[in-house]
Amino acid sequence: MSTLEVDQSGEIGVARHPRRQILIDFLNHLKENNVLRFSYPMPDQENGEGWMMFLYSPVSQAVIDSFEA
């Protein structure tokens, strides 16, 4: 299974995964960790496949690493 990709190198971060449900689970994980500024998952039109969501505030590496898909 593919791993969740999180890129926070730009002004707005992006999380990507081939499966929408994984991003929904990640969204719920963010909520549980009081990270509340993100979009809902949408088709990844930039890559032409999979799903993506925007992260409108920085997410700590610890929160990302604690997510289990």
C-alpha atoms as a PDB file:
ATOM      1  CA  MET A   1       0.000   0.000   0.000  1.00  0.00           C
ATOM      2  CA  SER A   2       1.162   3.515  -0.753  1.00  0.00           C
ATOM      3  CA  THR A   3       2.073   5.752   2.116  1.00  0.00           C
ATOM      4  CA  LEU A   4       0.469   9.082   2.838  1.00  0.00           C
ATOM      5  CA  GLU A   5       2.474  11.875   1.209  1.00  0.00           C
ATOM      6  CA  VAL A   6       2.553  15.211   3.028  1.00  0.00           C
ATOM      7  CA  ASP A   7       4.328  18.163   1.404  1.00  0.00           C
ATOM      8  CA  GLN A   8       4.499  21.359   3.461  1.00  0.00           C
ATOM      9  CA  SER A   9       7.245  23.047   1.465  1.00  0.00           C
ATOM     10  CA  GLY A  10       4.915  25.692   0.006  1.00  0.00           C
ATOM     11  CA  GLU A  11       2.675  28.320   1.544  1.00  0.00           C
ATOM     12  CA  ILE A  12      -0.162  25.777   1.581  1.00  0.00           C
ATOM     13  CA  GLY A  13       0.586  22.151   2.424  1.00  0.00           C
ATOM     14  CA  VAL A  14      -0.766  19.185   0.523  1.00  0.00           C
ATOM     15  CA  ALA A  15      -1.513  15.600   1.556  1.00  0.00           C
ATOM     16  CA  ARG A  16      -1.907  12.925  -1.134  1.00  0.00           C
ATOM     17  CA  HIS A  17      -2.901   9.277  -1.245  1.00  0.00           C
ATOM     18  CA  PRO A  18      -4.402   6.965  -3.896  1.00  0.00           C
ATOM     19  CA  ARG A  19      -7.394   6.164  -1.650  1.00  0.00           C
ATOM     20  CA  ARG A  20      -9.904   8.796  -0.540  1.00  0.00           C
ATOM     21  CA  GLN A  21     -10.720   6.919   2.681  1.00  0.00           C
ATOM     22  CA  ILE A  22      -7.107   7.231   3.879  1.00  0.00           C
ATOM     23  CA  LEU A  23      -7.327  11.021   3.552  1.00  0.00           C
ATOM     24  CA  ILE A  24     -10.651  11.039   5.403  1.00  0.00           C
ATOM     25  CA  ASP A  25      -8.982   9.033   8.183  1.00  0.00           C
ATOM     26  CA  PHE A  26      -6.081  11.527   8.158  1.00  0.00           C
ATOM     27  CA  LEU A  27      -8.580  14.416   8.343  1.00  0.00           C
ATOM     28  CA  ASN A  28     -10.141  12.835  11.445  1.00  0.00           C
ATOM     29  CA  HIS A  29      -6.655  12.332  12.926  1.00  0.00           C
ATOM     30  CA  LEU A  30      -5.918  16.031  12.363  1.00  0.00           C
ATOM     31  CA  LYS A  31      -9.165  16.990  14.132  1.00  0.00           C
ATOM     32  CA  GLU A  32      -8.274  14.746  17.087  1.00  0.00           C
ATOM     33  CA  ASN A  33      -4.960  16.619  17.322  1.00  0.00           C
ATOM     34  CA  ASN A  34      -6.547  20.095  17.144  1.00  0.00           C
ATOM     35  CA  VAL A  35      -5.419  20.796  13.582  1.00  0.00           C
ATOM     36  CA  LEU A  36      -8.521  22.355  12.086  1.00  0.00           C
ATOM     37  CA  ARG A  37      -7.443  24.194   8.940  1.00  0.00           C
ATOM     38  CA  PHE A  38      -7.649  21.856   5.943  1.00  0.00           C
ATOM     39  CA  SER A  39      -9.789  21.104   2.921  1.00  0.00           C
ATOM     40  CA  TYR A  40     -11.799  17.966   2.389  1.00  0.00           C
ATOM     41  CA  PRO A  41     -10.300  15.341   0.044  1.00  0.00           C
ATOM     42  CA  MET A  42     -10.759  15.948  -3.667  1.00  0.00           C
ATOM     43  CA  PRO A  43      -9.553  14.215  -6.840  1.00  0.00           C
ATOM     44  CA  ASP A  44      -5.888  14.986  -7.510  1.00  0.00           C
ATOM     45  CA  GLN A  45      -6.107  16.761 -10.850  1.00  0.00           C
ATOM     46  CA  GLU A  46      -2.436  17.772 -10.786  1.00  0.00           C
ATOM     47  CA  ASN A  47      -1.234  14.158 -10.830  1.00  0.00           C
ATOM     48  CA  GLY A  48      -4.232  12.849 -12.763  1.00  0.00           C
ATOM     49  CA  GLU A  49      -4.971  10.072 -10.265  1.00  0.00           C
ATOM     50  CA  GLY A  50      -5.545   9.563  -6.570  1.00  0.00           C
ATOM     51  CA  TRP A  51      -6.776  12.068  -4.003  1.00  0.00           C
ATOM     52  CA  MET A  52      -5.425  15.170  -2.294  1.00  0.00           C
ATOM     53  CA  MET A  53      -6.300  17.695   0.385  1.00  0.00           C
ATOM     54  CA  PHE A  54      -4.878  21.084   1.303  1.00  0.00           C
ATOM     55  CA  LEU A  55      -3.364  21.843   4.713  1.00  0.00           C
ATOM     56  CA  TYR A  56      -3.885  25.530   5.484  1.00  0.00           C
ATOM     57  CA  SER A  57      -1.753  25.572   8.629  1.00  0.00           C
ATOM     58  CA  PRO A  58       1.472  23.732   9.466  1.00  0.00           C
ATOM     59  CA  VAL A  59       1.098  20.206  10.819  1.00  0.00           C
ATOM     60  CA  SER A  60       3.838  19.005  13.164  1.00  0.00           C
ATOM     61  CA  GLN A  61       5.900  16.046  12.047  1.00  0.00           C
ATOM     62  CA  ALA A  62       4.891  14.268  15.267  1.00  0.00           C
ATOM     63  CA  VAL A  63       1.191  14.450  14.295  1.00  0.00           C
ATOM     64  CA  ILE A  64       1.966  13.207  10.785  1.00  0.00           C
ATOM     65  CA  ASP A  65       4.137  10.365  12.103  1.00  0.00           C
ATOM     66  CA  SER A  66       1.493   9.298  14.631  1.00  0.00           C
ATOM     67  CA  PHE A  67      -1.075   8.703  11.868  1.00  0.00           C
ATOM     68  CA  GLU A  68      -1.621   5.020  11.150  1.00  0.00           C
ATOM     69  CA  ALA A  69      -3.389   4.249   7.889  1.00  0.00           C
END
